[in-house]
N, C-alpha and C. Protein backbone atom coordinates (compact mmCIF):
# COMPACT_ATOMS: atom_id res chain seq x y z
N UNK A 1 62.42 -35.11 9.73
CA UNK A 1 61.49 -35.70 10.69
C UNK A 1 60.10 -35.13 10.40
N UNK A 2 59.10 -35.93 10.55
CA UNK A 2 57.73 -35.53 10.29
C UNK A 2 56.96 -35.46 11.59
N UNK A 3 55.92 -34.66 11.59
CA UNK A 3 55.00 -34.62 12.73
C UNK A 3 53.77 -35.42 12.35
N UNK A 4 53.28 -36.19 13.25
CA UNK A 4 52.05 -36.93 13.00
C UNK A 4 50.88 -36.05 13.40
N UNK A 5 50.08 -35.73 12.44
CA UNK A 5 48.92 -34.88 12.70
C UNK A 5 47.68 -35.73 12.52
N UNK A 6 46.97 -35.95 13.57
CA UNK A 6 45.74 -36.72 13.48
C UNK A 6 44.68 -35.84 12.85
N UNK A 7 44.16 -36.28 11.74
CA UNK A 7 43.13 -35.52 11.04
C UNK A 7 41.79 -36.07 11.47
N UNK A 8 41.12 -35.32 12.30
CA UNK A 8 39.83 -35.77 12.80
C UNK A 8 38.75 -35.28 11.84
N UNK A 9 38.28 -36.18 11.01
CA UNK A 9 37.25 -35.83 10.03
C UNK A 9 35.98 -36.60 10.34
N UNK A 10 34.87 -35.90 10.26
CA UNK A 10 33.60 -36.62 10.34
C UNK A 10 33.01 -36.64 8.93
N UNK A 11 31.77 -37.02 8.79
CA UNK A 11 31.20 -37.19 7.47
C UNK A 11 30.44 -35.96 6.98
N UNK A 12 30.60 -34.82 7.64
CA UNK A 12 29.93 -33.61 7.20
C UNK A 12 30.73 -32.94 6.08
N UNK A 13 30.06 -32.33 5.16
CA UNK A 13 30.69 -31.76 3.96
C UNK A 13 31.74 -30.71 4.30
N UNK A 14 31.55 -29.95 5.37
CA UNK A 14 32.50 -28.88 5.68
C UNK A 14 33.90 -29.44 5.92
N UNK A 15 34.03 -30.68 6.31
CA UNK A 15 35.35 -31.25 6.54
C UNK A 15 36.08 -31.62 5.26
N UNK A 16 35.35 -31.73 4.16
CA UNK A 16 36.02 -31.94 2.88
C UNK A 16 36.87 -30.73 2.53
N UNK A 17 36.37 -29.54 2.84
CA UNK A 17 37.16 -28.33 2.61
C UNK A 17 38.39 -28.33 3.51
N UNK A 18 38.23 -28.70 4.76
CA UNK A 18 39.38 -28.76 5.67
C UNK A 18 40.41 -29.76 5.15
N UNK A 19 39.95 -30.86 4.63
CA UNK A 19 40.86 -31.87 4.09
C UNK A 19 41.61 -31.31 2.89
N UNK A 20 40.94 -30.65 1.98
CA UNK A 20 41.59 -30.09 0.80
C UNK A 20 42.63 -29.05 1.24
N UNK A 21 42.31 -28.23 2.23
CA UNK A 21 43.25 -27.23 2.73
C UNK A 21 44.49 -27.92 3.28
N UNK A 22 44.31 -28.97 4.05
CA UNK A 22 45.45 -29.71 4.60
C UNK A 22 46.27 -30.35 3.49
N UNK A 23 45.60 -30.93 2.51
CA UNK A 23 46.32 -31.54 1.40
C UNK A 23 47.15 -30.52 0.64
N UNK A 24 46.63 -29.33 0.47
CA UNK A 24 47.36 -28.30 -0.27
C UNK A 24 48.63 -27.89 0.44
N UNK A 25 48.69 -28.02 1.76
CA UNK A 25 49.90 -27.64 2.49
C UNK A 25 50.77 -28.85 2.84
N UNK A 26 50.32 -30.04 2.48
CA UNK A 26 51.07 -31.26 2.81
C UNK A 26 52.17 -31.50 1.79
N UNK A 27 53.18 -32.29 2.16
CA UNK A 27 54.22 -32.64 1.19
C UNK A 27 53.62 -33.32 -0.03
N UNK A 28 54.27 -33.20 -1.16
CA UNK A 28 53.77 -33.75 -2.42
C UNK A 28 53.50 -35.26 -2.31
N UNK A 29 54.35 -35.99 -1.63
CA UNK A 29 54.17 -37.44 -1.51
C UNK A 29 52.85 -37.77 -0.81
N UNK A 30 52.51 -36.99 0.20
CA UNK A 30 51.24 -37.21 0.91
C UNK A 30 50.08 -36.88 -0.01
N UNK A 31 50.19 -35.77 -0.76
CA UNK A 31 49.12 -35.38 -1.66
C UNK A 31 48.85 -36.46 -2.70
N UNK A 32 49.91 -36.99 -3.30
CA UNK A 32 49.77 -38.02 -4.33
C UNK A 32 49.13 -39.27 -3.75
N UNK A 33 49.59 -39.70 -2.59
CA UNK A 33 49.05 -40.91 -1.97
C UNK A 33 47.56 -40.76 -1.68
N UNK A 34 47.17 -39.60 -1.16
CA UNK A 34 45.77 -39.40 -0.82
C UNK A 34 44.91 -39.17 -2.05
N UNK A 35 45.46 -38.50 -3.07
CA UNK A 35 44.70 -38.26 -4.29
C UNK A 35 44.42 -39.55 -5.04
N UNK A 36 45.19 -40.60 -4.80
CA UNK A 36 44.98 -41.87 -5.48
C UNK A 36 43.77 -42.63 -4.94
N UNK A 37 43.22 -42.21 -3.83
CA UNK A 37 42.02 -42.85 -3.32
C UNK A 37 40.82 -42.42 -4.16
N UNK A 38 39.73 -43.17 -4.10
CA UNK A 38 38.57 -42.96 -4.98
C UNK A 38 38.08 -41.52 -4.98
N UNK A 39 37.64 -41.04 -3.84
CA UNK A 39 37.08 -39.69 -3.74
C UNK A 39 37.15 -39.27 -2.29
N UNK A 40 36.78 -38.05 -2.02
CA UNK A 40 36.86 -37.58 -0.64
C UNK A 40 35.92 -38.34 0.28
N UNK A 41 34.77 -38.76 -0.22
CA UNK A 41 33.88 -39.56 0.62
C UNK A 41 34.55 -40.85 1.02
N UNK A 42 35.19 -41.53 0.06
CA UNK A 42 35.93 -42.74 0.36
C UNK A 42 37.11 -42.47 1.26
N UNK A 43 37.77 -41.35 1.03
CA UNK A 43 38.91 -40.98 1.86
C UNK A 43 38.48 -40.76 3.30
N UNK A 44 37.36 -40.11 3.47
CA UNK A 44 36.90 -39.83 4.82
C UNK A 44 36.57 -41.12 5.56
N UNK A 45 36.16 -42.15 4.84
CA UNK A 45 35.88 -43.43 5.47
C UNK A 45 37.17 -44.20 5.75
N UNK A 46 38.19 -44.01 4.90
CA UNK A 46 39.41 -44.80 5.01
C UNK A 46 40.53 -44.12 5.79
N UNK A 47 40.43 -42.81 5.98
CA UNK A 47 41.54 -42.07 6.58
C UNK A 47 41.51 -42.19 8.10
N UNK A 48 42.12 -43.25 8.59
CA UNK A 48 42.28 -43.42 10.02
C UNK A 48 43.74 -43.26 10.39
N UNK A 49 44.58 -43.08 9.39
CA UNK A 49 46.01 -42.92 9.59
C UNK A 49 46.33 -41.43 9.79
N UNK A 50 47.33 -41.13 10.59
CA UNK A 50 47.76 -39.74 10.72
C UNK A 50 48.39 -39.25 9.42
N UNK A 51 48.32 -37.95 9.20
CA UNK A 51 48.97 -37.33 8.05
C UNK A 51 50.31 -36.79 8.53
N UNK A 52 51.37 -37.06 7.79
CA UNK A 52 52.71 -36.60 8.16
C UNK A 52 52.96 -35.23 7.56
N UNK A 53 53.39 -34.32 8.41
CA UNK A 53 53.74 -32.97 7.98
C UNK A 53 55.16 -32.71 8.46
N UNK A 54 56.04 -32.20 7.57
CA UNK A 54 57.42 -31.96 7.97
C UNK A 54 57.52 -30.95 9.12
N UNK A 55 58.47 -31.16 10.00
CA UNK A 55 58.73 -30.24 11.10
C UNK A 55 59.67 -29.16 10.60
N UNK A 56 59.23 -27.92 10.66
CA UNK A 56 60.07 -26.76 10.38
C UNK A 56 59.94 -25.82 11.56
N UNK A 57 60.49 -24.63 11.45
CA UNK A 57 60.38 -23.67 12.54
C UNK A 57 59.05 -22.92 12.52
N UNK A 58 58.17 -23.26 11.57
CA UNK A 58 56.86 -22.60 11.47
C UNK A 58 55.79 -23.67 11.30
N UNK A 59 54.69 -23.51 12.03
CA UNK A 59 53.51 -24.36 11.81
C UNK A 59 52.31 -23.44 11.66
N UNK A 60 51.51 -23.70 10.64
CA UNK A 60 50.30 -22.93 10.37
C UNK A 60 49.10 -23.78 10.77
N UNK A 61 48.36 -23.32 11.74
CA UNK A 61 47.24 -24.10 12.28
C UNK A 61 45.92 -23.87 11.54
N UNK A 62 45.93 -23.07 10.49
CA UNK A 62 44.68 -22.78 9.77
C UNK A 62 44.00 -24.04 9.24
N UNK A 63 44.76 -25.04 8.86
CA UNK A 63 44.16 -26.25 8.29
C UNK A 63 43.87 -27.33 9.33
N UNK A 64 44.14 -27.04 10.58
CA UNK A 64 43.91 -28.00 11.67
C UNK A 64 42.54 -27.72 12.29
N UNK A 65 41.67 -28.72 12.38
CA UNK A 65 40.38 -28.49 13.03
C UNK A 65 40.59 -28.01 14.47
N UNK A 66 39.80 -27.05 14.93
CA UNK A 66 39.98 -26.49 16.28
C UNK A 66 40.08 -27.54 17.38
N UNK A 67 39.33 -28.61 17.27
CA UNK A 67 39.36 -29.63 18.32
C UNK A 67 40.70 -30.38 18.37
N UNK A 68 41.52 -30.25 17.31
CA UNK A 68 42.81 -30.94 17.26
C UNK A 68 44.00 -30.02 17.53
N UNK A 69 43.75 -28.74 17.72
CA UNK A 69 44.85 -27.79 17.88
C UNK A 69 45.74 -28.14 19.06
N UNK A 70 45.16 -28.42 20.21
CA UNK A 70 45.96 -28.69 21.41
C UNK A 70 46.91 -29.88 21.22
N UNK A 71 46.42 -31.07 20.82
CA UNK A 71 47.36 -32.19 20.67
C UNK A 71 48.37 -31.96 19.53
N UNK A 72 47.97 -31.27 18.48
CA UNK A 72 48.91 -31.00 17.39
C UNK A 72 50.03 -30.09 17.87
N UNK A 73 49.69 -29.03 18.60
CA UNK A 73 50.71 -28.11 19.12
C UNK A 73 51.61 -28.83 20.11
N UNK A 74 51.04 -29.64 20.98
CA UNK A 74 51.85 -30.40 21.94
C UNK A 74 52.87 -31.27 21.23
N UNK A 75 52.44 -32.02 20.23
CA UNK A 75 53.35 -32.91 19.49
C UNK A 75 54.36 -32.11 18.68
N UNK A 76 53.92 -31.03 18.07
CA UNK A 76 54.84 -30.16 17.30
C UNK A 76 55.96 -29.65 18.19
N UNK A 77 55.61 -29.18 19.39
CA UNK A 77 56.63 -28.66 20.31
C UNK A 77 57.63 -29.75 20.70
N UNK A 78 57.14 -30.92 20.99
CA UNK A 78 58.03 -32.03 21.36
C UNK A 78 58.99 -32.35 20.22
N UNK A 79 58.46 -32.46 19.01
CA UNK A 79 59.30 -32.80 17.86
C UNK A 79 60.28 -31.67 17.53
N UNK A 80 59.84 -30.43 17.57
CA UNK A 80 60.72 -29.29 17.28
C UNK A 80 61.84 -29.20 18.31
N UNK A 81 61.51 -29.44 19.57
CA UNK A 81 62.51 -29.42 20.63
C UNK A 81 63.52 -30.56 20.42
N UNK A 82 63.01 -31.73 20.09
CA UNK A 82 63.86 -32.89 19.83
C UNK A 82 64.84 -32.63 18.67
N UNK A 83 64.38 -31.88 17.67
CA UNK A 83 65.22 -31.56 16.51
C UNK A 83 66.18 -30.41 16.77
N UNK A 84 66.05 -29.75 17.92
CA UNK A 84 66.99 -28.70 18.28
C UNK A 84 66.60 -27.30 17.86
N UNK A 85 65.38 -27.09 17.41
CA UNK A 85 64.94 -25.74 17.08
C UNK A 85 64.91 -24.89 18.35
N UNK A 86 65.30 -23.63 18.23
CA UNK A 86 65.29 -22.72 19.38
C UNK A 86 64.21 -21.65 19.27
N UNK A 87 63.87 -21.25 18.04
CA UNK A 87 62.84 -20.23 17.80
C UNK A 87 61.80 -20.82 16.86
N UNK A 88 60.53 -20.72 17.24
CA UNK A 88 59.43 -21.24 16.44
C UNK A 88 58.40 -20.13 16.21
N UNK A 89 57.64 -20.28 15.14
CA UNK A 89 56.49 -19.40 14.91
C UNK A 89 55.27 -20.27 14.72
N UNK A 90 54.27 -20.06 15.55
CA UNK A 90 53.02 -20.80 15.46
C UNK A 90 51.96 -19.82 14.96
N UNK A 91 51.44 -20.10 13.76
CA UNK A 91 50.43 -19.24 13.15
C UNK A 91 49.06 -19.78 13.53
N UNK A 92 48.33 -19.02 14.33
CA UNK A 92 47.01 -19.46 14.80
C UNK A 92 45.90 -18.61 14.22
N UNK A 93 46.22 -17.50 13.61
CA UNK A 93 45.21 -16.61 13.05
C UNK A 93 44.73 -15.60 14.07
N UNK A 94 44.09 -14.58 13.57
CA UNK A 94 43.64 -13.49 14.45
C UNK A 94 42.28 -13.80 15.04
N UNK A 95 41.29 -14.00 14.23
CA UNK A 95 39.95 -14.39 14.69
C UNK A 95 39.53 -13.72 15.99
N UNK A 96 38.89 -14.49 16.85
CA UNK A 96 38.45 -13.95 18.15
C UNK A 96 39.38 -14.38 19.28
N UNK A 97 40.45 -15.07 18.94
CA UNK A 97 41.47 -15.40 19.92
C UNK A 97 41.37 -16.75 20.59
N UNK A 98 40.45 -17.60 20.15
CA UNK A 98 40.28 -18.90 20.80
C UNK A 98 41.51 -19.78 20.58
N UNK A 99 41.93 -19.93 19.31
CA UNK A 99 43.10 -20.77 19.05
C UNK A 99 44.35 -20.17 19.68
N UNK A 100 44.46 -18.85 19.68
CA UNK A 100 45.60 -18.19 20.31
C UNK A 100 45.69 -18.59 21.79
N UNK A 101 44.57 -18.60 22.47
CA UNK A 101 44.56 -18.96 23.89
C UNK A 101 44.87 -20.44 24.10
N UNK A 102 44.38 -21.29 23.21
CA UNK A 102 44.72 -22.72 23.31
C UNK A 102 46.22 -22.90 23.16
N UNK A 103 46.80 -22.27 22.13
CA UNK A 103 48.24 -22.37 21.88
C UNK A 103 49.01 -21.87 23.09
N UNK A 104 48.64 -20.73 23.62
CA UNK A 104 49.39 -20.14 24.72
C UNK A 104 49.23 -20.91 26.02
N UNK A 105 48.10 -21.58 26.19
CA UNK A 105 47.95 -22.41 27.40
C UNK A 105 48.88 -23.62 27.32
N UNK A 106 49.03 -24.19 26.12
CA UNK A 106 49.98 -25.30 25.94
C UNK A 106 51.40 -24.80 26.18
N UNK A 107 51.74 -23.65 25.62
CA UNK A 107 53.09 -23.10 25.79
C UNK A 107 53.41 -22.83 27.26
N UNK A 108 52.43 -22.30 28.00
CA UNK A 108 52.64 -21.93 29.40
C UNK A 108 52.96 -23.14 30.27
N UNK A 109 52.47 -24.31 29.91
CA UNK A 109 52.70 -25.48 30.74
C UNK A 109 53.75 -26.44 30.16
N UNK A 110 54.43 -26.02 29.11
CA UNK A 110 55.47 -26.85 28.51
C UNK A 110 56.81 -26.47 29.12
N UNK A 111 57.47 -27.40 29.83
CA UNK A 111 58.67 -27.05 30.59
C UNK A 111 59.85 -26.55 29.77
N UNK A 112 59.98 -26.96 28.52
CA UNK A 112 61.12 -26.52 27.72
C UNK A 112 60.85 -25.26 26.91
N UNK A 113 59.70 -24.61 27.14
CA UNK A 113 59.42 -23.32 26.51
C UNK A 113 59.98 -22.23 27.42
N UNK A 114 60.91 -21.45 26.87
CA UNK A 114 61.56 -20.38 27.64
C UNK A 114 60.68 -19.13 27.67
N UNK A 115 60.15 -18.74 26.50
CA UNK A 115 59.30 -17.55 26.43
C UNK A 115 58.44 -17.62 25.17
N UNK A 116 57.40 -16.78 25.14
CA UNK A 116 56.56 -16.67 23.96
C UNK A 116 55.84 -15.33 23.98
N UNK A 117 55.46 -14.88 22.79
CA UNK A 117 54.75 -13.61 22.67
C UNK A 117 54.29 -13.39 21.24
N UNK A 118 53.61 -12.27 21.01
CA UNK A 118 53.14 -11.95 19.66
C UNK A 118 54.30 -11.84 18.69
N UNK A 119 54.07 -12.27 17.47
CA UNK A 119 55.07 -12.13 16.42
C UNK A 119 55.15 -10.67 16.00
N UNK A 120 56.27 -10.25 15.42
CA UNK A 120 56.32 -8.90 14.86
C UNK A 120 55.27 -8.76 13.75
N UNK A 121 54.89 -7.53 13.45
CA UNK A 121 53.85 -7.28 12.45
C UNK A 121 54.14 -7.97 11.12
N UNK A 122 55.40 -7.96 10.67
CA UNK A 122 55.74 -8.55 9.38
C UNK A 122 55.71 -10.08 9.41
N UNK A 123 55.59 -10.68 10.60
CA UNK A 123 55.55 -12.14 10.73
C UNK A 123 54.20 -12.63 11.24
N UNK A 124 53.18 -11.77 11.15
CA UNK A 124 51.84 -12.20 11.54
C UNK A 124 51.22 -11.43 12.69
N UNK A 125 52.02 -10.60 13.38
CA UNK A 125 51.47 -9.82 14.50
C UNK A 125 50.78 -10.70 15.52
N UNK A 126 49.63 -10.27 15.98
CA UNK A 126 48.93 -11.04 17.01
C UNK A 126 48.22 -12.27 16.44
N UNK A 127 48.39 -12.54 15.14
CA UNK A 127 47.87 -13.75 14.53
C UNK A 127 48.86 -14.90 14.57
N UNK A 128 50.03 -14.64 15.17
CA UNK A 128 51.07 -15.68 15.29
C UNK A 128 51.80 -15.48 16.61
N UNK A 129 52.35 -16.54 17.12
CA UNK A 129 53.11 -16.50 18.38
C UNK A 129 54.52 -16.96 18.11
N UNK A 130 55.49 -16.17 18.59
CA UNK A 130 56.90 -16.54 18.50
C UNK A 130 57.25 -17.26 19.82
N UNK A 131 57.90 -18.39 19.69
CA UNK A 131 58.24 -19.22 20.85
C UNK A 131 59.75 -19.41 20.91
N UNK A 132 60.32 -19.22 22.09
CA UNK A 132 61.73 -19.52 22.32
C UNK A 132 61.82 -20.76 23.19
N UNK A 133 62.56 -21.76 22.70
CA UNK A 133 62.72 -23.01 23.45
C UNK A 133 64.07 -23.00 24.19
N UNK A 134 64.13 -23.73 25.28
CA UNK A 134 65.38 -23.84 26.06
C UNK A 134 66.37 -24.72 25.33
């Protein structure tokens, strides 16, 4: 099962880097399909479709634009729960804690989330959150 991740790109150059980062972590089929387009400028004009990312027990939010973190995490949780995952790791990064707080606010109001907290040091420490689903 795949998660639909809406890639919100505008026409500023900094989003080309975000796109390349996302492509590098995307499944090979997605990379090939997107690489066949003319160039990133053309891609940014044509990319109105969501990018499919496989659902696993780990999601890394580093390649997700901050404004999309909340809906991506919400959809990821729904899909992971639907697939029967019980333990998840959401990698949000350490930074100043903005994405961490967004992630945890979504977790706090999701009815099928049993518990969540910092990951162990070897799994990202306070740069990742471990989630237990009901």
